[in-house]
Protein backbone atom coordinates (compact mmCIF):
# COMPACT_ATOMS: atom_id res chain seq x y z
CA MET A 1 -0.06 0.02 -0.02
CA ILE A 2 0.97 3.50 -0.56
CA SER A 3 0.22 6.55 1.55
CA PRO A 4 -2.47 9.16 0.76
CA SER A 5 0.17 11.75 0.08
CA GLU A 6 1.94 9.51 -2.40
CA ALA A 7 -1.39 8.63 -4.05
CA HIS A 8 -2.14 12.23 -4.38
CA ARG A 9 1.29 12.99 -5.85
CA LEU A 10 0.81 10.20 -8.46
CA ILE A 11 -2.62 11.40 -9.44
CA LEU A 12 -1.64 15.10 -9.89
CA HIS A 13 1.53 13.96 -11.76
CA ASN A 14 -0.79 12.41 -14.35
CA ALA A 15 -3.13 15.59 -14.67
CA ARG A 16 -2.70 17.07 -18.01
CA LEU A 17 -4.42 20.42 -18.77
CA PHE A 18 -7.71 20.14 -20.44
CA PRO A 19 -8.07 21.82 -23.91
CA VAL A 20 -9.10 25.51 -24.17
CA GLU A 21 -12.51 26.55 -25.57
CA ILE A 22 -14.01 29.91 -26.32
CA ILE A 23 -17.43 30.57 -25.06
CA PRO A 24 -19.82 33.51 -24.64
CA LEU A 25 -19.09 35.50 -21.43
CA GLN A 26 -22.69 34.98 -20.35
CA LYS A 27 -22.02 31.24 -20.20
CA ALA A 28 -18.80 31.47 -18.33
CA VAL A 29 -20.00 31.58 -14.70
CA GLY A 30 -18.00 29.00 -12.55
CA ARG A 31 -15.57 28.13 -15.43
CA VAL A 32 -11.81 28.23 -15.14
CA LEU A 33 -10.16 31.19 -17.04
CA ARG A 34 -7.47 30.30 -19.48
CA GLU A 35 -6.31 33.72 -20.65
CA ASP A 36 -5.20 36.86 -18.86
CA VAL A 37 -7.94 39.54 -18.98
CA ILE A 38 -6.17 42.80 -19.85
CA SER A 39 -7.64 46.29 -19.69
CA ASP A 40 -8.34 47.86 -23.14
CA ARG A 41 -8.25 51.26 -21.47
CA ASP A 42 -7.99 52.98 -18.02
CA GLN A 43 -10.46 51.78 -15.57
CA PRO A 44 -12.42 53.95 -15.08
CA PRO A 45 -11.49 55.81 -18.37
CA PHE A 46 -12.39 59.15 -16.88
CA ASN A 47 -12.63 60.89 -13.61
CA LYS A 48 -16.09 59.73 -12.52
CA SER A 49 -18.55 61.22 -10.15
CA LEU A 50 -19.62 58.72 -7.47
CA VAL A 51 -22.70 60.64 -6.29
CA ASP A 52 -25.41 63.09 -7.50
CA GLY A 53 -24.38 66.70 -6.54
CA ILE A 54 -22.56 69.64 -7.81
CA GLY A 55 -19.02 69.65 -9.26
CA VAL A 56 -16.92 72.55 -8.11
CA SER A 57 -13.40 73.79 -8.01
CA TYR A 58 -11.76 73.03 -4.69
CA ASP A 59 -9.52 76.09 -5.11
CA ALA A 60 -12.70 78.39 -5.33
CA TRP A 61 -14.00 76.62 -2.26
CA GLN A 62 -10.73 77.34 -0.38
CA LYS A 63 -11.08 80.94 -1.27
CA GLY A 64 -14.44 81.10 0.38
CA ALA A 65 -16.97 80.41 -2.28
CA ARG A 66 -20.22 78.79 -0.88
CA THR A 67 -22.73 79.97 -3.39
CA PHE A 68 -22.27 78.79 -7.07
CA HIS A 69 -23.99 79.62 -10.35
CA VAL A 70 -24.92 76.51 -12.12
CA GLU A 71 -23.24 76.62 -15.38
CA ALA A 72 -24.44 73.32 -16.86
CA VAL A 73 -26.01 69.92 -16.04
CA VAL A 74 -23.84 66.95 -16.72
CA PRO A 75 -25.60 63.54 -16.92
CA ALA A 76 -23.92 60.24 -17.28
CA GLY A 77 -22.97 59.05 -20.61
CA VAL A 78 -22.04 62.41 -22.22
CA ALA A 79 -18.80 64.32 -22.74
CA PRO A 80 -19.11 67.57 -20.82
CA LYS A 81 -17.54 70.98 -21.71
CA PRO A 82 -14.87 72.41 -19.30
CA LEU A 83 -16.13 74.66 -16.63
CA LYS A 84 -15.85 78.08 -18.07
CA ASN A 85 -15.76 79.97 -14.78
CA LEU A 86 -14.11 78.31 -11.83
CA SER A 87 -16.31 80.20 -9.50
CA ASN A 88 -19.27 78.41 -11.03
CA CYS A 89 -20.40 74.78 -10.69
CA VAL A 90 -22.11 72.05 -12.55
CA ARG A 91 -24.93 69.83 -11.54
CA ILE A 92 -23.67 66.28 -12.02
CA MET A 93 -25.07 62.87 -11.89
CA THR A 94 -23.65 59.52 -10.57
CA GLY A 95 -21.27 57.98 -13.14
CA ALA A 96 -20.88 61.16 -15.13
CA VAL A 97 -17.58 62.50 -16.41
CA ILE A 98 -16.13 65.14 -14.09
CA PRO A 99 -15.57 68.33 -16.28
CA LYS A 100 -12.27 70.08 -16.53
CA GLY A 101 -11.99 72.63 -13.93
CA CYS A 102 -13.99 70.64 -11.30
CA ASP A 103 -12.13 68.58 -8.73
CA CYS A 104 -14.64 67.99 -6.14
CA VAL A 105 -18.30 66.80 -5.92
CA ILE A 106 -20.50 67.93 -3.06
CA PRO A 107 -23.31 65.38 -2.60
CA VAL A 108 -26.87 66.69 -3.29
CA GLU A 109 -27.86 66.18 0.27
CA GLN A 110 -25.36 68.92 1.42
CA VAL A 111 -26.51 71.40 -1.32
CA HIS A 112 -29.57 73.65 -1.60
CA VAL A 113 -30.30 74.27 -5.29
CA GLU A 114 -32.73 77.09 -6.43
CA GLY A 115 -33.03 77.93 -10.14
CA ASP A 116 -29.44 78.38 -11.34
CA THR A 117 -27.96 78.92 -8.05
CA ALA A 118 -26.50 76.19 -5.75
CA GLN A 119 -25.55 76.85 -2.13
CA SER A 120 -23.66 74.51 0.21
CA LYS A 121 -25.26 74.00 3.54
CA ASP A 122 -23.54 75.57 6.59
CA TRP A 123 -22.09 72.28 8.00
CA THR A 124 -20.66 71.16 4.76
CA MET A 125 -16.87 70.34 4.71
CA ILE A 126 -15.10 69.09 1.59
CA LYS A 127 -11.79 67.71 0.45
CA LYS A 128 -10.07 67.76 -2.96
CA ASN A 129 -11.28 64.84 -5.20
CA GLN A 130 -14.05 64.09 -2.87
CA SER A 131 -16.75 61.72 -4.20
CA ILE A 132 -14.60 61.26 -7.45
CA ARG A 133 -13.17 57.94 -8.71
CA LEU A 134 -10.08 59.11 -10.45
CA GLN A 135 -9.12 57.80 -13.95
CA ALA A 136 -7.18 54.53 -13.92
CA ALA A 137 -7.91 53.98 -10.13
CA ASP A 138 -9.01 50.44 -10.73
CA GLY A 139 -6.57 49.76 -13.51
CA LYS A 140 -4.43 51.29 -16.27
CA LYS A 141 -4.65 50.40 -19.91
CA GLY A 142 -2.60 47.26 -20.57
CA GLU A 143 -2.80 46.10 -17.02
CA VAL A 144 -3.72 42.48 -16.29
CA LEU A 145 -7.07 42.63 -14.41
CA LEU A 146 -7.64 38.89 -14.22
CA LYS A 147 -4.98 36.16 -14.34
CA ALA A 148 -5.54 32.86 -16.05
CA GLY A 149 -6.28 30.10 -13.57
CA CYS A 150 -9.02 31.67 -11.63
CA ARG A 151 -12.73 30.66 -11.35
CA LEU A 152 -15.08 33.07 -13.07
CA TRP A 153 -17.65 34.23 -10.53
CA ALA A 154 -19.89 37.22 -10.73
CA PRO A 155 -17.19 39.92 -9.94
CA HIS A 156 -14.80 38.37 -12.58
CA ILE A 157 -17.70 38.27 -15.23
CA GLY A 158 -18.14 42.04 -14.36
CA ILE A 159 -14.50 42.90 -14.87
CA ALA A 160 -14.38 40.76 -18.23
CA ALA A 161 -17.42 42.71 -19.47
CA SER A 162 -15.85 46.09 -18.48
CA VAL A 163 -13.00 45.46 -20.94
CA GLY A 164 -15.39 44.27 -23.67
CA LYS A 165 -14.88 40.40 -23.66
CA VAL A 166 -17.84 39.17 -25.59
CA LYS A 167 -16.22 35.73 -25.64
CA ILE A 168 -13.61 34.29 -23.28
CA LYS A 169 -11.11 31.45 -23.18
CA VAL A 170 -11.83 28.82 -20.55
CA SER A 171 -10.88 25.25 -19.79
CA ALA A 172 -13.06 22.80 -21.76
CA LEU A 173 -15.28 20.65 -19.47
CA PRO A 174 -14.09 16.94 -19.71
CA LYS A 175 -16.75 14.30 -20.32
CA ILE A 176 -16.80 12.23 -17.20
CA ALA A 177 -18.42 8.76 -16.88
CA VAL A 178 -19.55 7.81 -13.45
CA ILE A 179 -19.95 4.07 -13.40
CA SER A 180 -21.49 2.06 -10.57
CA THR A 181 -21.04 -1.72 -10.51
CA GLY A 182 -22.87 -4.40 -8.73
CA ASP A 183 -25.82 -6.79 -9.16
CA GLU A 184 -27.35 -5.74 -5.95
CA LEU A 185 -27.84 -2.06 -7.14
CA VAL A 186 -31.17 -0.79 -8.44
CA ASP A 187 -31.80 2.59 -9.95
CA ILE A 188 -33.92 5.08 -8.06
CA ASN A 189 -36.78 5.00 -10.63
CA LYS A 190 -37.26 1.32 -10.28
CA PRO A 191 -38.94 -0.90 -7.62
CA VAL A 192 -36.50 -2.20 -4.99
CA LYS A 193 -36.62 -5.53 -3.31
CA GLN A 194 -35.69 -6.18 0.39
CA TYR A 195 -32.33 -7.66 -0.47
CA GLN A 196 -31.39 -4.96 -3.04
CA THR A 197 -29.71 -1.50 -2.58
CA ARG A 198 -30.82 1.73 -4.33
CA LEU A 199 -28.11 3.22 -6.53
CA SER A 200 -27.03 6.30 -4.65
CA ASN A 201 -23.22 6.56 -5.11
CA SER A 202 -23.64 7.55 -8.76
CA TYR A 203 -26.11 10.32 -7.90
CA ALA A 204 -23.89 11.56 -5.17
CA LEU A 205 -20.81 11.58 -7.41
CA GLN A 206 -22.73 13.29 -10.12
CA ALA A 207 -23.90 16.03 -7.62
CA LEU A 208 -20.35 16.52 -6.45
CA LEU A 209 -19.00 17.03 -9.90
CA ASN A 210 -21.86 19.20 -10.96
CA GLN A 211 -21.30 21.33 -7.81
CA ALA A 212 -17.59 21.62 -8.70
CA GLN A 213 -18.59 22.70 -12.23
CA LEU A 214 -15.50 20.90 -13.64
CA GLY A 215 -16.93 18.35 -15.96
CA ASP A 216 -19.83 17.19 -17.88
CA VAL A 217 -21.09 13.90 -16.22
CA GLN A 218 -23.10 11.06 -17.31
CA ILE A 219 -24.08 8.00 -15.18
CA PHE A 220 -23.76 4.29 -16.05
CA HIS A 221 -24.50 1.12 -14.03
CA LEU A 222 -22.82 -2.20 -14.85
CA ARG A 223 -23.74 -5.67 -13.67
CA ASP A 224 -21.19 -7.98 -12.20
CA ASN A 225 -20.62 -9.89 -15.50
CA GLN A 226 -17.02 -9.73 -16.43
CA LYS A 227 -17.60 -10.16 -20.20
CA LEU A 228 -20.26 -7.54 -20.39
CA MET A 229 -18.20 -5.22 -18.20
CA LEU A 230 -15.25 -5.43 -20.32
CA GLN A 231 -17.19 -4.51 -23.47
CA SER A 232 -19.13 -1.67 -21.69
CA ILE A 233 -16.03 -0.13 -20.24
CA LYS A 234 -14.24 -0.41 -23.46
CA ASP A 235 -17.04 1.52 -25.17
CA ILE A 236 -17.23 4.18 -22.44
CA LEU A 237 -13.47 4.61 -22.40
CA GLY A 238 -13.63 5.41 -26.09
CA LYS A 239 -16.16 8.06 -25.55
CA PHE A 240 -15.37 9.78 -22.33
CA ASP A 241 -12.29 11.63 -21.09
CA ILE A 242 -12.43 10.48 -17.38
CA LEU A 243 -13.89 7.32 -15.80
CA ILE A 244 -14.94 7.16 -12.18
CA LEU A 245 -16.03 3.78 -11.06
CA SER A 246 -17.44 2.76 -7.66
CA GLY A 247 -17.40 -0.80 -6.38
CA GLY A 248 -15.75 -4.01 -7.58
CA VAL A 249 -12.23 -3.01 -6.70
CA SER A 250 -11.62 -5.11 -3.46
CA MET A 251 -10.66 -8.84 -3.30
CA GLY A 252 -14.03 -10.49 -3.62
CA GLU A 253 -15.01 -13.07 -6.10
CA PHE A 254 -16.98 -10.60 -8.16
CA ASP A 255 -14.64 -7.66 -7.95
CA TYR A 256 -13.65 -7.62 -11.64
CA VAL A 257 -12.78 -3.96 -12.13
CA PRO A 258 -9.01 -4.03 -11.77
CA GLY A 259 -8.76 -7.06 -14.04
CA VAL A 260 -11.07 -5.58 -16.60
CA LEU A 261 -9.07 -2.40 -16.66
CA ARG A 262 -5.87 -4.25 -17.04
CA GLN A 263 -7.25 -6.08 -19.96
CA LEU A 264 -8.24 -2.81 -21.58
CA GLY A 265 -4.66 -1.53 -21.29
CA VAL A 266 -5.34 0.88 -18.50
CA LYS A 267 -1.87 1.18 -16.70
CA GLN A 268 -2.24 0.77 -13.01
CA SER A 269 -0.58 3.57 -10.86
CA PHE A 270 -1.55 2.05 -7.60
CA HIS A 271 -4.09 -0.16 -5.91
CA LYS A 272 -4.74 0.13 -2.26
CA VAL A 273 -3.93 3.20 -0.06
CA SER A 274 -3.24 3.07 3.60
CA GLN A 275 -6.28 4.97 4.57
CA LYS A 276 -9.69 4.39 6.18
CA PRO A 277 -12.17 4.56 4.61
CA GLY A 278 -11.10 3.87 1.12
CA LYS A 279 -8.35 1.35 1.45
CA PRO A 280 -9.08 -0.55 -1.96
CA PHE A 281 -8.84 2.65 -4.01
CA TRP A 282 -7.33 2.01 -7.52
CA PHE A 283 -6.11 4.58 -10.06
CA GLY A 284 -4.64 4.19 -13.39
CA VAL A 285 -4.26 5.84 -16.93
CA SER A 286 -5.29 4.65 -20.28
CA LYS A 287 -3.01 4.37 -23.29
CA LYS A 288 -4.40 7.72 -24.45
CA GLY A 289 -3.75 9.40 -21.07
CA LYS A 290 -7.38 9.21 -19.82
CA ALA A 291 -7.56 8.98 -16.05
CA VAL A 292 -9.53 6.18 -14.41
CA PHE A 293 -10.60 6.28 -10.74
CA ALA A 294 -11.95 3.07 -9.30
CA LEU A 295 -13.33 3.91 -5.82
CA PRO A 296 -14.56 1.54 -3.24
CA GLY A 297 -18.26 0.89 -3.27
CA ASN A 298 -19.16 1.70 0.26
CA PRO A 299 -20.80 5.17 0.28
CA VAL A 300 -18.60 6.96 2.69
CA SER A 301 -15.55 5.51 1.07
CA THR A 302 -16.75 6.56 -2.32
CA GLN A 303 -17.49 10.19 -1.42
CA ILE A 304 -14.42 10.88 0.64
CA CYS A 305 -12.05 9.34 -2.09
CA ALA A 306 -13.82 11.66 -4.65
CA TYR A 307 -13.19 14.72 -2.49
CA ARG A 308 -9.69 13.70 -1.54
CA TYR A 309 -8.46 12.58 -4.93
CA VAL A 310 -10.88 13.29 -7.93
CA ILE A 311 -11.57 16.94 -7.23
CA PRO A 312 -7.83 17.84 -6.91
CA TYR A 313 -7.19 16.09 -10.18
CA LEU A 314 -9.98 18.12 -11.87
CA LYS A 315 -8.72 21.24 -10.40
CA LYS A 316 -5.18 20.86 -11.53
CA ALA A 317 -6.26 19.60 -15.12
CA SER A 318 -8.54 22.63 -15.28
CA GLY A 319 -5.75 25.07 -14.55
CA LEU A 320 -6.70 25.77 -10.96
CA GLU A 321 -4.20 25.87 -8.05
CA VAL A 322 -4.64 22.97 -5.82
CA LYS A 323 -4.57 24.38 -2.36
CA GLN A 324 -4.67 22.59 1.13
CA GLU A 325 -6.92 24.05 3.89
CA PHE A 326 -6.31 23.32 7.60
CA ILE A 327 -8.54 23.72 10.48
CA PRO A 328 -8.21 23.18 14.39
CA VAL A 329 -10.14 20.15 15.72
CA LEU A 330 -11.88 20.88 18.92
CA ASP A 331 -12.28 17.32 20.08
CA ARG A 332 -9.46 15.06 21.21
CA VAL A 333 -8.53 12.45 18.49
CA ASN A 334 -6.78 9.40 19.69
CA ILE A 335 -6.64 6.73 17.10
CA GLN A 336 -3.57 4.52 17.20
CA SER A 337 -3.29 3.01 13.74
CA ASP A 338 -0.78 2.92 10.75
CA LEU A 339 -3.70 3.97 8.52
CA THR A 340 -4.49 7.45 7.76
CA HIS A 341 -8.07 8.10 8.89
CA PHE A 342 -10.56 10.52 7.22
CA LEU A 343 -12.77 11.79 10.00
CA PRO A 344 -16.01 13.78 9.20
CA VAL A 345 -16.35 17.05 11.14
CA ALA A 346 -18.76 19.94 11.55
CA GLN A 347 -17.19 23.29 12.51
CA GLY A 348 -14.12 21.40 13.96
CA ARG A 349 -16.24 18.84 15.89
CA LEU A 350 -15.98 15.17 15.10
CA ILE A 351 -19.09 13.38 13.57
CA THR A 352 -19.32 9.90 14.63
CA ILE A 353 -19.95 7.38 11.73
CA SER A 354 -20.68 3.75 12.26
CA GLY A 355 -18.74 2.53 9.22
CA SER A 356 -18.12 2.93 5.51
CA GLY A 357 -21.82 2.34 4.88
CA ASP A 358 -23.07 5.08 7.17
CA PHE A 359 -24.03 7.52 4.33
CA SER A 360 -26.56 9.63 6.41
CA SER A 361 -23.88 10.81 8.87
CA LEU A 362 -21.93 12.57 6.12
CA ALA A 363 -24.97 15.03 5.80
CA LYS A 364 -24.22 16.17 9.44
CA ALA A 365 -20.63 17.14 8.54
CA ASP A 366 -19.32 20.03 6.59
CA GLY A 367 -16.17 18.14 5.46
CA PHE A 368 -13.41 15.81 6.79
CA ILE A 369 -9.96 15.96 8.19
CA GLU A 370 -7.03 13.63 7.34
CA TYR A 371 -5.65 12.34 10.62
CA GLU A 372 -2.41 10.42 11.05
CA SER A 373 -1.89 9.12 14.59
CA HIS A 374 1.93 9.60 14.54
CA LYS A 375 1.59 13.35 13.86
CA ALA A 376 1.04 15.81 16.76
CA GLN A 377 -0.23 19.05 15.45
CA ASN A 378 -2.85 21.82 16.19
CA LEU A 379 -4.15 22.08 12.69
CA TRP A 380 -5.26 19.18 10.56
CA PRO A 381 -5.69 18.91 6.61
CA TYR A 382 -9.30 19.63 5.92
CA PHE A 383 -11.47 18.84 2.88
CA SER A 384 -14.70 20.74 2.65
CA TRP A 385 -17.93 19.67 0.88
CA ARG A 386 -17.87 23.19 -0.57
CA VAL A 387 -15.74 22.52 -3.66
């Protein structure tokens, strides 16, 4: 057996960047950026008023001016003329260009306007460049505003739109096949007998991958028939970029998966990791470089192995940085074992699970820690359900 850290290293070593695709900006939410977004002009491209009010010359204010003749009205979206008389003012709207000659905006709440005259209220105090967003304050022309390798959430979409990115380069979503194996499994849309088990792993894995927004997922179920399994996985391997199997990887009589994958030319990187749950975990790569994850079939093992190994692989192949999060554990952990233990936690408190089949207890946790009994430390590696 190898350690979880060695399994992690081998998996990421085999992660190759997914191809780049160009998509409309409106469809890019959650996708991984694969180009630097560069400002095509200063941001903002002009001195911009942040409030409705009057634009004045700070120098005139310093010389005692408190009543101003309104020389013009400046709405947003127009190019204003310079202030002719620095003792005058302009009425200006939020987002409008600050006219030359004005270097301060007094908010409308601090001004009394009557006809063409504006007078500041007695208690008003101002500063130079008050209520003005100066040109290039957010970024200069040619500056990198977004670097490749980030997830495109709402603020990033806004930045890309501000530089006119109608379409944008992102990592292509790999086609992922989630394959459950086992005669005892029955799909959720079919009647289930007392001795059968509803197919849940595939739906949980699909949900996890959809939540991560790092792949296009399709579910399959294969029976414990070696010949049929061989043909089915061969067909799936030809059509999909990544395979994630659950079940059939241990030492049982009907655990055909490792042998079938070997027959299909998938090169085994490792089989069995010194961890609990998830000890029988298998990983390999096809002749065409396609990653194949064969996870243990017990629900807790399947989920934790997916979070611990599959998600980091997808992140790296998408161009994201794979980061490790650590948290303090508030409960005392005292497990004497050579195996690394993955322990579900909720806000740093341990969640007790009765075994690898105790799926329901995972819903009480917000993630899990990676515990090694020989390490004495205050912070433990943490994997969150929030991918």
